[in-house]
N, C-alpha and C. Protein backbone atom coordinates (compact mmCIF):
# COMPACT_ATOMS: atom_id res chain seq x y z
N MET A 1 14.02 -11.24 -45.07
CA MET A 1 14.62 -12.57 -45.21
C MET A 1 14.48 -13.05 -46.64
N SER A 2 15.46 -13.76 -47.14
CA SER A 2 15.41 -14.30 -48.48
C SER A 2 14.23 -15.25 -48.62
N ALA A 3 13.65 -15.29 -49.80
CA ALA A 3 12.45 -16.09 -50.03
C ALA A 3 12.81 -17.55 -50.21
N LEU A 4 12.88 -18.30 -49.12
CA LEU A 4 13.07 -19.74 -49.16
C LEU A 4 11.93 -20.37 -48.37
N HIS A 5 11.21 -21.27 -49.00
CA HIS A 5 10.19 -22.01 -48.25
C HIS A 5 10.89 -22.85 -47.19
N ALA A 6 10.32 -22.91 -46.00
CA ALA A 6 10.96 -23.65 -44.92
C ALA A 6 9.93 -24.14 -43.92
N VAL A 7 10.31 -25.16 -43.18
CA VAL A 7 9.56 -25.58 -42.00
C VAL A 7 10.46 -25.33 -40.80
N ALA A 8 9.87 -25.28 -39.62
CA ALA A 8 10.63 -24.95 -38.43
C ALA A 8 10.26 -25.86 -37.27
N ARG A 9 11.24 -26.09 -36.39
CA ARG A 9 10.96 -26.68 -35.10
C ARG A 9 11.31 -25.60 -34.08
N PRO A 10 10.28 -24.90 -33.56
CA PRO A 10 10.55 -23.76 -32.68
C PRO A 10 11.25 -24.16 -31.39
N ALA A 11 12.00 -23.22 -30.85
CA ALA A 11 12.64 -23.43 -29.56
C ALA A 11 11.59 -23.34 -28.45
N THR A 12 11.90 -23.98 -27.34
CA THR A 12 11.06 -23.83 -26.14
C THR A 12 11.55 -22.59 -25.40
N GLY A 13 10.76 -21.54 -25.43
CA GLY A 13 11.19 -20.28 -24.84
C GLY A 13 12.08 -19.52 -25.80
N PRO A 14 12.73 -18.45 -25.32
CA PRO A 14 13.63 -17.68 -26.19
C PRO A 14 14.76 -18.57 -26.72
N ALA A 15 15.04 -18.46 -27.99
CA ALA A 15 16.06 -19.31 -28.61
C ALA A 15 17.44 -19.02 -28.04
N GLN A 16 18.14 -20.06 -27.60
CA GLN A 16 19.52 -19.91 -27.12
C GLN A 16 20.53 -20.26 -28.21
N GLY A 17 20.03 -20.63 -29.35
CA GLY A 17 20.88 -20.93 -30.49
C GLY A 17 20.01 -21.20 -31.70
N LEU A 18 20.62 -21.13 -32.87
CA LEU A 18 19.91 -21.34 -34.14
C LEU A 18 20.61 -22.44 -34.92
N VAL A 19 19.82 -23.40 -35.39
CA VAL A 19 20.33 -24.47 -36.24
C VAL A 19 19.58 -24.44 -37.56
N VAL A 20 20.31 -24.35 -38.66
CA VAL A 20 19.72 -24.39 -40.00
C VAL A 20 20.15 -25.72 -40.62
N LEU A 21 19.17 -26.58 -40.91
CA LEU A 21 19.44 -27.90 -41.47
C LEU A 21 19.13 -27.91 -42.96
N LEU A 22 20.08 -28.35 -43.75
CA LEU A 22 19.97 -28.31 -45.21
C LEU A 22 19.92 -29.73 -45.78
N HIS A 23 18.87 -30.00 -46.55
CA HIS A 23 18.69 -31.33 -47.12
C HIS A 23 19.60 -31.56 -48.32
N GLY A 24 19.66 -32.81 -48.75
CA GLY A 24 20.48 -33.18 -49.89
C GLY A 24 19.75 -33.03 -51.20
N VAL A 25 20.46 -33.27 -52.30
CA VAL A 25 19.89 -33.12 -53.64
C VAL A 25 18.84 -34.21 -53.88
N GLY A 26 17.75 -33.81 -54.53
CA GLY A 26 16.68 -34.75 -54.81
C GLY A 26 15.76 -35.01 -53.64
N SER A 27 15.91 -34.22 -52.58
CA SER A 27 15.10 -34.39 -51.38
C SER A 27 14.34 -33.08 -51.12
N ASN A 28 13.90 -32.87 -49.88
CA ASN A 28 13.17 -31.65 -49.55
C ASN A 28 13.32 -31.34 -48.07
N GLU A 29 12.72 -30.22 -47.65
CA GLU A 29 12.92 -29.70 -46.30
C GLU A 29 12.39 -30.63 -45.21
N ARG A 30 11.51 -31.56 -45.53
CA ARG A 30 10.94 -32.46 -44.52
C ARG A 30 11.85 -33.66 -44.21
N SER A 31 12.86 -33.88 -45.04
CA SER A 31 13.66 -35.09 -44.91
C SER A 31 14.51 -35.11 -43.63
N LEU A 32 14.80 -33.95 -43.07
CA LEU A 32 15.63 -33.89 -41.87
C LEU A 32 14.83 -33.53 -40.62
N LEU A 33 13.50 -33.66 -40.70
CA LEU A 33 12.67 -33.35 -39.53
C LEU A 33 13.01 -34.26 -38.35
N GLY A 34 13.29 -35.52 -38.62
CA GLY A 34 13.66 -36.43 -37.54
C GLY A 34 14.94 -35.99 -36.86
N LEU A 35 15.91 -35.55 -37.65
CA LEU A 35 17.17 -35.04 -37.09
C LEU A 35 16.90 -33.78 -36.26
N ALA A 36 16.01 -32.95 -36.75
CA ALA A 36 15.67 -31.71 -36.04
C ALA A 36 15.03 -31.98 -34.69
N GLN A 37 14.14 -32.98 -34.64
CA GLN A 37 13.42 -33.26 -33.40
C GLN A 37 14.35 -33.73 -32.28
N GLY A 38 15.50 -34.28 -32.63
CA GLY A 38 16.44 -34.75 -31.62
C GLY A 38 17.34 -33.67 -31.05
N LEU A 39 17.28 -32.47 -31.60
CA LEU A 39 18.12 -31.38 -31.11
C LEU A 39 17.56 -30.81 -29.80
N ASP A 40 18.42 -30.23 -29.01
CA ASP A 40 18.02 -29.65 -27.72
C ASP A 40 16.85 -28.69 -27.92
N PRO A 41 15.81 -28.79 -27.10
CA PRO A 41 14.62 -27.95 -27.29
C PRO A 41 14.86 -26.46 -27.12
N ARG A 42 16.00 -26.08 -26.57
CA ARG A 42 16.30 -24.65 -26.42
C ARG A 42 16.80 -24.02 -27.72
N LEU A 43 17.00 -24.87 -28.73
CA LEU A 43 17.52 -24.39 -30.02
C LEU A 43 16.39 -24.19 -31.02
N GLN A 44 16.41 -23.08 -31.72
CA GLN A 44 15.49 -22.84 -32.83
C GLN A 44 16.04 -23.55 -34.06
N VAL A 45 15.20 -24.32 -34.74
CA VAL A 45 15.66 -25.08 -35.91
C VAL A 45 14.84 -24.67 -37.14
N ALA A 46 15.54 -24.38 -38.22
CA ALA A 46 14.90 -24.06 -39.49
C ALA A 46 15.37 -25.05 -40.55
N LEU A 47 14.43 -25.47 -41.40
CA LEU A 47 14.74 -26.42 -42.46
C LEU A 47 14.26 -25.84 -43.79
N PRO A 48 15.11 -25.11 -44.48
CA PRO A 48 14.71 -24.50 -45.75
C PRO A 48 14.74 -25.48 -46.91
N ARG A 49 13.92 -25.19 -47.91
CA ARG A 49 13.89 -25.98 -49.13
C ARG A 49 14.84 -25.36 -50.15
N ALA A 50 15.65 -26.18 -50.79
CA ALA A 50 16.57 -25.70 -51.82
C ALA A 50 15.79 -25.07 -52.98
N PRO A 51 16.38 -24.10 -53.67
CA PRO A 51 15.65 -23.31 -54.67
C PRO A 51 15.43 -23.99 -56.02
N LEU A 52 16.18 -25.06 -56.32
CA LEU A 52 16.09 -25.67 -57.64
C LEU A 52 15.23 -26.92 -57.59
N ALA A 53 14.20 -26.98 -58.45
CA ALA A 53 13.31 -28.14 -58.50
C ALA A 53 13.81 -29.13 -59.54
N PHE A 54 14.00 -30.38 -59.12
CA PHE A 54 14.46 -31.44 -60.01
C PHE A 54 13.39 -32.49 -60.26
N GLY A 55 12.22 -32.34 -59.63
CA GLY A 55 11.13 -33.28 -59.79
C GLY A 55 10.12 -33.06 -58.68
N PRO A 56 9.04 -33.84 -58.64
CA PRO A 56 8.05 -33.69 -57.58
C PRO A 56 8.67 -33.89 -56.20
N ASP A 57 8.58 -32.88 -55.37
CA ASP A 57 9.14 -32.92 -54.01
C ASP A 57 10.64 -33.23 -54.00
N ALA A 58 11.32 -32.92 -55.10
CA ALA A 58 12.75 -33.18 -55.21
C ALA A 58 13.47 -31.88 -55.57
N PHE A 59 14.29 -31.41 -54.66
CA PHE A 59 14.95 -30.11 -54.83
C PHE A 59 16.45 -30.24 -54.58
N GLY A 60 17.19 -29.23 -55.00
CA GLY A 60 18.62 -29.24 -54.79
C GLY A 60 19.19 -27.83 -54.78
N TRP A 61 20.42 -27.74 -54.29
CA TRP A 61 21.11 -26.45 -54.19
C TRP A 61 21.91 -26.15 -55.45
N PHE A 62 22.27 -27.21 -56.17
CA PHE A 62 22.94 -27.06 -57.47
C PHE A 62 22.88 -28.40 -58.19
N SER A 63 22.99 -28.35 -59.50
CA SER A 63 23.00 -29.57 -60.31
C SER A 63 24.34 -30.27 -60.16
N VAL A 64 24.30 -31.58 -60.20
CA VAL A 64 25.53 -32.37 -60.09
C VAL A 64 25.37 -33.65 -60.90
N ARG A 65 26.44 -34.07 -61.52
CA ARG A 65 26.46 -35.37 -62.19
C ARG A 65 27.72 -36.09 -61.75
N PHE A 66 27.61 -37.41 -61.73
CA PHE A 66 28.71 -38.23 -61.23
C PHE A 66 29.36 -38.96 -62.40
N GLY A 67 30.64 -38.65 -62.61
CA GLY A 67 31.39 -39.28 -63.69
C GLY A 67 32.57 -40.07 -63.17
N ALA A 68 33.41 -40.50 -64.08
CA ALA A 68 34.57 -41.31 -63.70
C ALA A 68 35.53 -40.56 -62.78
N GLN A 69 35.56 -39.23 -62.91
CA GLN A 69 36.45 -38.41 -62.09
C GLN A 69 35.77 -37.88 -60.83
N GLY A 70 34.56 -38.38 -60.54
CA GLY A 70 33.85 -37.92 -59.35
C GLY A 70 32.75 -36.93 -59.69
N PRO A 71 32.18 -36.26 -58.69
CA PRO A 71 31.06 -35.35 -58.92
C PRO A 71 31.49 -34.09 -59.67
N VAL A 72 30.65 -33.69 -60.63
CA VAL A 72 30.86 -32.46 -61.39
C VAL A 72 29.64 -31.57 -61.16
N ILE A 73 29.87 -30.37 -60.65
CA ILE A 73 28.77 -29.49 -60.25
C ILE A 73 28.57 -28.34 -61.24
N ASP A 74 27.43 -27.65 -61.06
CA ASP A 74 27.20 -26.38 -61.74
C ASP A 74 27.66 -25.29 -60.77
N PRO A 75 28.84 -24.70 -60.97
CA PRO A 75 29.39 -23.75 -59.99
C PRO A 75 28.56 -22.48 -59.86
N GLY A 76 27.91 -22.04 -60.94
CA GLY A 76 27.07 -20.85 -60.86
C GLY A 76 25.89 -21.06 -59.93
N GLN A 77 25.25 -22.22 -60.02
CA GLN A 77 24.13 -22.53 -59.14
C GLN A 77 24.59 -22.66 -57.68
N ALA A 78 25.73 -23.29 -57.48
CA ALA A 78 26.25 -23.43 -56.12
C ALA A 78 26.55 -22.08 -55.50
N GLU A 79 27.10 -21.17 -56.27
CA GLU A 79 27.41 -19.84 -55.76
C GLU A 79 26.14 -19.06 -55.45
N ALA A 80 25.15 -19.15 -56.32
CA ALA A 80 23.88 -18.45 -56.07
C ALA A 80 23.22 -18.98 -54.80
N SER A 81 23.26 -20.29 -54.59
CA SER A 81 22.67 -20.86 -53.38
C SER A 81 23.46 -20.47 -52.13
N ARG A 82 24.76 -20.36 -52.25
CA ARG A 82 25.58 -19.92 -51.10
C ARG A 82 25.17 -18.52 -50.67
N GLN A 83 25.05 -17.62 -51.62
CA GLN A 83 24.64 -16.25 -51.30
C GLN A 83 23.23 -16.21 -50.74
N LEU A 84 22.34 -17.01 -51.32
CA LEU A 84 20.95 -17.06 -50.85
C LEU A 84 20.89 -17.53 -49.40
N LEU A 85 21.68 -18.54 -49.07
CA LEU A 85 21.67 -19.07 -47.71
C LEU A 85 22.25 -18.08 -46.71
N ILE A 86 23.29 -17.38 -47.08
CA ILE A 86 23.87 -16.37 -46.18
C ILE A 86 22.82 -15.31 -45.84
N ASP A 87 22.11 -14.85 -46.84
CA ASP A 87 21.05 -13.86 -46.60
C ASP A 87 19.93 -14.45 -45.75
N TYR A 88 19.59 -15.71 -46.02
CA TYR A 88 18.53 -16.39 -45.27
C TYR A 88 18.90 -16.50 -43.79
N VAL A 89 20.12 -16.92 -43.51
CA VAL A 89 20.56 -17.07 -42.12
C VAL A 89 20.57 -15.72 -41.42
N ARG A 90 21.02 -14.70 -42.10
CA ARG A 90 21.01 -13.36 -41.50
C ARG A 90 19.58 -12.95 -41.11
N GLY A 91 18.63 -13.26 -41.95
CA GLY A 91 17.24 -12.93 -41.64
C GLY A 91 16.73 -13.67 -40.42
N LEU A 92 17.06 -14.94 -40.31
CA LEU A 92 16.65 -15.72 -39.14
C LEU A 92 17.30 -15.18 -37.87
N GLN A 93 18.57 -14.81 -37.96
CA GLN A 93 19.25 -14.27 -36.78
C GLN A 93 18.59 -12.99 -36.30
N ALA A 94 18.19 -12.14 -37.22
CA ALA A 94 17.51 -10.90 -36.85
C ALA A 94 16.17 -11.20 -36.16
N GLN A 95 15.48 -12.22 -36.64
CA GLN A 95 14.20 -12.62 -36.05
C GLN A 95 14.38 -13.16 -34.64
N GLN A 96 15.39 -14.00 -34.45
CA GLN A 96 15.56 -14.73 -33.20
C GLN A 96 16.49 -14.06 -32.21
N GLY A 97 17.22 -13.04 -32.64
CA GLY A 97 18.18 -12.38 -31.77
C GLY A 97 19.37 -13.27 -31.44
N VAL A 98 19.87 -14.00 -32.43
CA VAL A 98 20.97 -14.95 -32.25
C VAL A 98 22.18 -14.47 -33.04
N ASP A 99 23.38 -14.60 -32.44
CA ASP A 99 24.59 -14.16 -33.14
C ASP A 99 25.29 -15.32 -33.84
N ALA A 100 26.39 -15.01 -34.52
CA ALA A 100 27.11 -16.02 -35.30
C ALA A 100 27.67 -17.14 -34.45
N ALA A 101 28.10 -16.82 -33.23
CA ALA A 101 28.69 -17.82 -32.35
C ALA A 101 27.67 -18.86 -31.91
N HIS A 102 26.39 -18.52 -31.97
CA HIS A 102 25.33 -19.45 -31.58
C HIS A 102 24.50 -19.87 -32.78
N THR A 103 25.13 -19.85 -33.95
CA THR A 103 24.46 -20.27 -35.19
C THR A 103 25.21 -21.44 -35.80
N LEU A 104 24.48 -22.51 -36.07
CA LEU A 104 25.02 -23.71 -36.69
C LEU A 104 24.29 -23.97 -38.01
N VAL A 105 25.06 -24.10 -39.08
CA VAL A 105 24.50 -24.51 -40.37
C VAL A 105 25.01 -25.92 -40.63
N ALA A 106 24.09 -26.85 -40.83
CA ALA A 106 24.46 -28.25 -40.99
C ALA A 106 23.60 -28.88 -42.07
N GLY A 107 24.10 -29.96 -42.66
CA GLY A 107 23.29 -30.60 -43.69
C GLY A 107 23.83 -31.94 -44.10
N PHE A 108 22.97 -32.68 -44.79
CA PHE A 108 23.31 -34.00 -45.29
C PHE A 108 23.68 -33.92 -46.76
N SER A 109 24.78 -34.56 -47.14
CA SER A 109 25.21 -34.66 -48.53
C SER A 109 25.38 -33.27 -49.14
N GLN A 110 24.59 -32.93 -50.15
CA GLN A 110 24.73 -31.59 -50.75
C GLN A 110 24.41 -30.49 -49.75
N GLY A 111 23.52 -30.77 -48.80
CA GLY A 111 23.25 -29.80 -47.75
C GLY A 111 24.47 -29.55 -46.88
N GLY A 112 25.24 -30.61 -46.61
CA GLY A 112 26.48 -30.45 -45.86
C GLY A 112 27.51 -29.65 -46.62
N ILE A 113 27.54 -29.86 -47.93
CA ILE A 113 28.44 -29.08 -48.79
C ILE A 113 28.13 -27.60 -48.66
N MET A 114 26.83 -27.26 -48.70
CA MET A 114 26.43 -25.86 -48.60
C MET A 114 26.71 -25.31 -47.20
N SER A 115 26.58 -26.15 -46.18
CA SER A 115 26.84 -25.71 -44.81
C SER A 115 28.28 -25.24 -44.65
N ALA A 116 29.21 -26.04 -45.16
CA ALA A 116 30.62 -25.65 -45.10
C ALA A 116 30.85 -24.38 -45.90
N GLY A 117 30.18 -24.27 -47.04
CA GLY A 117 30.32 -23.08 -47.88
C GLY A 117 29.90 -21.81 -47.18
N VAL A 118 28.83 -21.89 -46.40
CA VAL A 118 28.34 -20.71 -45.67
C VAL A 118 29.32 -20.32 -44.56
N ALA A 119 29.65 -21.27 -43.69
CA ALA A 119 30.47 -20.93 -42.51
C ALA A 119 31.90 -20.53 -42.88
N LEU A 120 32.49 -21.21 -43.86
CA LEU A 120 33.87 -20.90 -44.20
C LEU A 120 34.03 -19.59 -44.96
N THR A 121 32.99 -19.17 -45.66
CA THR A 121 33.09 -17.93 -46.42
C THR A 121 32.44 -16.74 -45.72
N ALA A 122 31.58 -17.02 -44.74
CA ALA A 122 30.89 -15.94 -44.02
C ALA A 122 30.90 -16.23 -42.52
N PRO A 123 32.08 -16.28 -41.90
CA PRO A 123 32.16 -16.63 -40.48
C PRO A 123 31.51 -15.60 -39.56
N ARG A 124 31.26 -14.41 -40.06
CA ARG A 124 30.54 -13.42 -39.25
C ARG A 124 29.04 -13.70 -39.24
N VAL A 125 28.61 -14.65 -40.05
CA VAL A 125 27.20 -15.05 -40.08
C VAL A 125 27.00 -16.35 -39.30
N ALA A 126 27.85 -17.35 -39.53
CA ALA A 126 27.74 -18.63 -38.84
C ALA A 126 29.13 -19.13 -38.47
N GLN A 127 29.34 -19.42 -37.18
CA GLN A 127 30.64 -19.89 -36.72
C GLN A 127 30.66 -21.38 -36.42
N ARG A 128 29.55 -22.05 -36.65
CA ARG A 128 29.48 -23.49 -36.44
C ARG A 128 28.90 -24.15 -37.69
N PHE A 129 29.49 -25.27 -38.11
CA PHE A 129 28.96 -25.98 -39.27
C PHE A 129 29.20 -27.47 -39.13
N ALA A 130 28.35 -28.26 -39.76
CA ALA A 130 28.50 -29.71 -39.74
C ALA A 130 28.23 -30.26 -41.14
N VAL A 131 29.16 -31.08 -41.60
CA VAL A 131 29.07 -31.72 -42.92
C VAL A 131 28.76 -33.19 -42.68
N LEU A 132 27.54 -33.60 -42.97
CA LEU A 132 27.10 -34.96 -42.74
C LEU A 132 27.08 -35.69 -44.08
N SER A 133 28.08 -36.52 -44.30
CA SER A 133 28.21 -37.27 -45.56
C SER A 133 28.31 -36.34 -46.77
N GLY A 134 29.13 -35.31 -46.65
CA GLY A 134 29.30 -34.34 -47.74
C GLY A 134 30.77 -34.13 -48.07
N ARG A 135 31.09 -32.92 -48.49
CA ARG A 135 32.47 -32.56 -48.81
C ARG A 135 32.59 -31.04 -48.78
N ILE A 136 33.77 -30.52 -49.04
CA ILE A 136 33.98 -29.08 -49.17
C ILE A 136 34.32 -28.79 -50.63
N LEU A 137 33.57 -27.89 -51.24
CA LEU A 137 33.81 -27.57 -52.64
C LEU A 137 35.11 -26.78 -52.82
N PRO A 138 35.96 -27.18 -53.74
CA PRO A 138 37.16 -26.39 -54.03
C PRO A 138 36.81 -25.02 -54.59
N GLU A 139 35.60 -24.90 -55.16
CA GLU A 139 35.19 -23.63 -55.78
C GLU A 139 35.02 -22.48 -54.79
N ILE A 140 34.92 -22.77 -53.49
CA ILE A 140 34.72 -21.67 -52.53
C ILE A 140 36.03 -21.06 -52.06
N ALA A 141 37.16 -21.59 -52.50
CA ALA A 141 38.46 -21.16 -51.98
C ALA A 141 38.65 -19.65 -52.04
N ALA A 142 38.26 -19.04 -53.15
CA ALA A 142 38.47 -17.60 -53.32
C ALA A 142 37.62 -16.76 -52.37
N HIS A 143 36.59 -17.36 -51.78
CA HIS A 143 35.68 -16.62 -50.90
C HIS A 143 36.00 -16.81 -49.41
N ILE A 144 36.97 -17.66 -49.09
CA ILE A 144 37.33 -17.90 -47.69
C ILE A 144 38.25 -16.79 -47.21
N PRO A 145 37.90 -16.09 -46.12
CA PRO A 145 38.76 -15.02 -45.63
C PRO A 145 40.17 -15.53 -45.28
N ALA A 146 41.16 -14.71 -45.55
CA ALA A 146 42.54 -15.11 -45.26
C ALA A 146 42.75 -15.35 -43.76
N ASP A 147 41.95 -14.66 -42.93
CA ASP A 147 42.09 -14.81 -41.47
C ASP A 147 41.01 -15.72 -40.88
N ILE A 148 40.53 -16.69 -41.65
CA ILE A 148 39.44 -17.56 -41.20
C ILE A 148 39.77 -18.21 -39.86
N ALA A 149 41.03 -18.53 -39.60
CA ALA A 149 41.41 -19.20 -38.35
C ALA A 149 41.15 -18.33 -37.13
N ALA A 150 41.06 -17.02 -37.32
CA ALA A 150 40.86 -16.11 -36.20
C ALA A 150 39.40 -15.87 -35.86
N HIS A 151 38.48 -16.48 -36.59
CA HIS A 151 37.05 -16.20 -36.42
C HIS A 151 36.33 -17.15 -35.48
N GLY A 152 37.04 -18.11 -34.90
CA GLY A 152 36.41 -19.01 -33.95
C GLY A 152 35.47 -20.03 -34.57
N VAL A 153 35.66 -20.33 -35.83
CA VAL A 153 34.79 -21.31 -36.51
C VAL A 153 35.11 -22.71 -36.00
N GLN A 154 34.05 -23.50 -35.78
CA GLN A 154 34.18 -24.88 -35.36
C GLN A 154 33.38 -25.76 -36.31
N GLY A 155 33.98 -26.85 -36.76
CA GLY A 155 33.31 -27.72 -37.71
C GLY A 155 33.23 -29.17 -37.26
N LEU A 156 32.28 -29.90 -37.83
CA LEU A 156 32.10 -31.31 -37.56
C LEU A 156 31.91 -32.04 -38.89
N ILE A 157 32.65 -33.13 -39.09
CA ILE A 157 32.51 -33.95 -40.29
C ILE A 157 32.16 -35.36 -39.86
N LEU A 158 30.99 -35.84 -40.28
CA LEU A 158 30.56 -37.21 -40.03
C LEU A 158 30.34 -37.88 -41.37
N HIS A 159 30.89 -39.10 -41.55
CA HIS A 159 30.85 -39.71 -42.88
C HIS A 159 30.91 -41.22 -42.78
N GLY A 160 30.13 -41.88 -43.63
CA GLY A 160 30.17 -43.33 -43.69
C GLY A 160 31.43 -43.81 -44.39
N GLU A 161 32.10 -44.79 -43.78
CA GLU A 161 33.35 -45.28 -44.35
C GLU A 161 33.13 -46.12 -45.60
N GLN A 162 31.88 -46.58 -45.83
CA GLN A 162 31.55 -47.33 -47.04
C GLN A 162 30.64 -46.52 -47.96
N ASP A 163 30.74 -45.21 -47.89
CA ASP A 163 29.88 -44.34 -48.69
C ASP A 163 30.14 -44.59 -50.18
N SER A 164 29.09 -45.02 -50.90
CA SER A 164 29.23 -45.33 -52.32
C SER A 164 28.90 -44.14 -53.22
N LYS A 165 28.38 -43.07 -52.65
CA LYS A 165 28.04 -41.86 -53.42
C LYS A 165 29.15 -40.82 -53.33
N LEU A 166 29.54 -40.50 -52.12
CA LEU A 166 30.65 -39.57 -51.86
C LEU A 166 31.65 -40.32 -50.98
N PRO A 167 32.71 -40.85 -51.57
CA PRO A 167 33.63 -41.71 -50.84
C PRO A 167 34.21 -41.04 -49.59
N PHE A 168 34.56 -41.88 -48.61
CA PHE A 168 35.10 -41.39 -47.35
C PHE A 168 36.36 -40.56 -47.56
N ALA A 169 37.06 -40.79 -48.65
CA ALA A 169 38.26 -39.99 -48.94
C ALA A 169 37.94 -38.51 -49.04
N LEU A 170 36.71 -38.16 -49.43
CA LEU A 170 36.31 -36.75 -49.50
C LEU A 170 36.21 -36.15 -48.10
N ALA A 171 35.85 -36.97 -47.12
CA ALA A 171 35.80 -36.49 -45.73
C ALA A 171 37.20 -36.24 -45.19
N THR A 172 38.12 -37.17 -45.47
CA THR A 172 39.49 -36.96 -44.99
C THR A 172 40.14 -35.79 -45.71
N ALA A 173 39.79 -35.58 -46.99
CA ALA A 173 40.32 -34.43 -47.71
C ALA A 173 39.78 -33.13 -47.12
N ALA A 174 38.49 -33.13 -46.74
CA ALA A 174 37.90 -31.95 -46.12
C ALA A 174 38.58 -31.64 -44.79
N SER A 175 38.86 -32.69 -44.02
CA SER A 175 39.54 -32.50 -42.74
C SER A 175 40.93 -31.92 -42.94
N ALA A 176 41.65 -32.43 -43.93
CA ALA A 176 42.99 -31.91 -44.21
C ALA A 176 42.94 -30.45 -44.63
N ARG A 177 41.92 -30.11 -45.40
CA ARG A 177 41.79 -28.72 -45.84
C ARG A 177 41.50 -27.80 -44.67
N LEU A 178 40.63 -28.24 -43.76
CA LEU A 178 40.33 -27.43 -42.58
C LEU A 178 41.56 -27.28 -41.70
N GLN A 179 42.32 -28.33 -41.58
CA GLN A 179 43.56 -28.26 -40.79
C GLN A 179 44.52 -27.24 -41.40
N ALA A 180 44.63 -27.25 -42.72
CA ALA A 180 45.51 -26.30 -43.39
C ALA A 180 45.04 -24.86 -43.19
N LEU A 181 43.72 -24.67 -43.09
CA LEU A 181 43.16 -23.34 -42.87
C LEU A 181 43.24 -22.91 -41.41
N GLY A 182 43.53 -23.84 -40.53
CA GLY A 182 43.55 -23.54 -39.10
C GLY A 182 42.18 -23.51 -38.47
N VAL A 183 41.22 -24.21 -39.09
CA VAL A 183 39.84 -24.25 -38.58
C VAL A 183 39.67 -25.46 -37.67
N GLN A 184 39.26 -25.21 -36.43
CA GLN A 184 39.04 -26.30 -35.47
C GLN A 184 37.88 -27.19 -35.95
N HIS A 185 38.07 -28.51 -35.86
CA HIS A 185 37.02 -29.41 -36.32
C HIS A 185 37.26 -30.81 -35.79
N ALA A 186 36.24 -31.65 -35.95
CA ALA A 186 36.34 -33.07 -35.60
C ALA A 186 35.86 -33.89 -36.79
N LEU A 187 36.50 -35.03 -37.02
CA LEU A 187 36.12 -35.95 -38.08
C LEU A 187 35.83 -37.31 -37.46
N HIS A 188 34.66 -37.87 -37.81
CA HIS A 188 34.29 -39.20 -37.32
C HIS A 188 33.79 -40.05 -38.48
N GLY A 189 34.29 -41.27 -38.58
CA GLY A 189 33.84 -42.21 -39.58
C GLY A 189 32.97 -43.28 -38.96
N TYR A 190 32.08 -43.85 -39.77
CA TYR A 190 31.11 -44.84 -39.30
C TYR A 190 31.02 -46.00 -40.30
N PRO A 191 30.71 -47.20 -39.85
CA PRO A 191 30.54 -48.33 -40.77
C PRO A 191 29.20 -48.23 -41.49
N ALA A 192 29.13 -47.34 -42.48
CA ALA A 192 27.85 -47.04 -43.14
C ALA A 192 28.08 -46.58 -44.56
N ASP A 193 27.00 -46.64 -45.36
CA ASP A 193 26.99 -46.12 -46.72
C ASP A 193 26.60 -44.64 -46.67
N HIS A 194 25.96 -44.14 -47.72
CA HIS A 194 25.58 -42.73 -47.82
C HIS A 194 24.26 -42.51 -47.10
N THR A 195 24.33 -42.39 -45.79
CA THR A 195 23.12 -42.29 -44.98
C THR A 195 23.45 -41.66 -43.64
N LEU A 196 22.43 -41.37 -42.85
CA LEU A 196 22.61 -40.87 -41.49
C LEU A 196 22.18 -41.97 -40.53
N THR A 197 23.13 -42.62 -39.90
CA THR A 197 22.82 -43.69 -38.97
C THR A 197 22.40 -43.11 -37.61
N PRO A 198 21.76 -43.90 -36.76
CA PRO A 198 21.43 -43.43 -35.42
C PRO A 198 22.67 -42.93 -34.65
N ALA A 199 23.80 -43.60 -34.83
CA ALA A 199 25.02 -43.17 -34.14
C ALA A 199 25.48 -41.81 -34.63
N MET A 200 25.40 -41.59 -35.94
CA MET A 200 25.77 -40.29 -36.50
C MET A 200 24.85 -39.20 -35.97
N GLN A 201 23.56 -39.49 -35.92
CA GLN A 201 22.61 -38.50 -35.44
C GLN A 201 22.85 -38.18 -33.96
N ALA A 202 23.11 -39.20 -33.16
CA ALA A 202 23.37 -38.97 -31.74
C ALA A 202 24.62 -38.12 -31.54
N ASP A 203 25.66 -38.41 -32.31
CA ASP A 203 26.89 -37.62 -32.19
C ASP A 203 26.66 -36.18 -32.63
N PHE A 204 25.87 -36.00 -33.67
CA PHE A 204 25.55 -34.64 -34.13
C PHE A 204 24.77 -33.88 -33.06
N HIS A 205 23.79 -34.53 -32.46
CA HIS A 205 22.99 -33.86 -31.43
C HIS A 205 23.85 -33.44 -30.24
N ALA A 206 24.73 -34.33 -29.81
CA ALA A 206 25.58 -34.02 -28.66
C ALA A 206 26.54 -32.89 -28.98
N TRP A 207 27.17 -32.93 -30.15
CA TRP A 207 28.11 -31.89 -30.55
C TRP A 207 27.40 -30.54 -30.67
N SER A 208 26.22 -30.52 -31.25
CA SER A 208 25.46 -29.28 -31.43
C SER A 208 25.17 -28.62 -30.08
N ALA A 209 24.74 -29.43 -29.10
CA ALA A 209 24.44 -28.89 -27.78
C ALA A 209 25.70 -28.31 -27.13
N ARG A 210 26.81 -29.03 -27.25
CA ARG A 210 28.05 -28.52 -26.65
C ARG A 210 28.47 -27.20 -27.30
N GLN A 211 28.36 -27.12 -28.58
CA GLN A 211 28.83 -25.94 -29.30
C GLN A 211 27.94 -24.72 -29.07
N LEU A 212 26.64 -24.91 -29.07
CA LEU A 212 25.72 -23.78 -29.04
C LEU A 212 25.25 -23.39 -27.65
N LEU A 213 25.23 -24.33 -26.73
CA LEU A 213 24.64 -24.04 -25.42
C LEU A 213 25.67 -23.81 -24.32
N ALA A 214 26.92 -24.24 -24.56
CA ALA A 214 27.94 -24.08 -23.52
C ALA A 214 28.17 -22.63 -23.17
N ALA A 215 28.09 -21.74 -24.19
CA ALA A 215 28.35 -20.31 -23.95
C ALA A 215 27.06 -19.51 -23.86
N ALA A 216 25.92 -20.21 -23.84
CA ALA A 216 24.64 -19.48 -23.83
C ALA A 216 24.39 -18.83 -22.47
């Protein structure tokens, strides 16, 4: 398995699905523990720490700065983290005996960005993804398989309609892009800023159980 520090919320009994939760920039692997605890106990949950240190207990998947034209990323760092996560998920699947159809990669903000990057470019690794207050990077376009619509990928986009960090327009743009790719997904907006509200968390928990446990 790729060397990523992580914490886990083990499944009760043999894992019937795998959920990998990815934190946002400037945060760490413990920030989504509350979200993890609300997931169905039959699911194995892993919370890896991003590889780039930006300060004490502050990590990220790639550098980003916000300018007049929106967020500007370091594409080399984003690509390295995408590859690292694909290898990491493969290692967890081998440990838990879980396949791509029962693997969900999800995350908040930059973690959600990485989640979409993993599932859309490596559908044989993860067929479920959730973008929580994030977006889809245009830089991954060249890595998306031409037959992505045939891989059974399912996505979820949850976003605050008053998001002051990543505007809601990025969520609608992500939905339009998935529609153009033929990727099944759902988009839900909430009266919130750049955060995970209780309603968002409840919807994520319910969707995760439906996606991963229905075919278990």
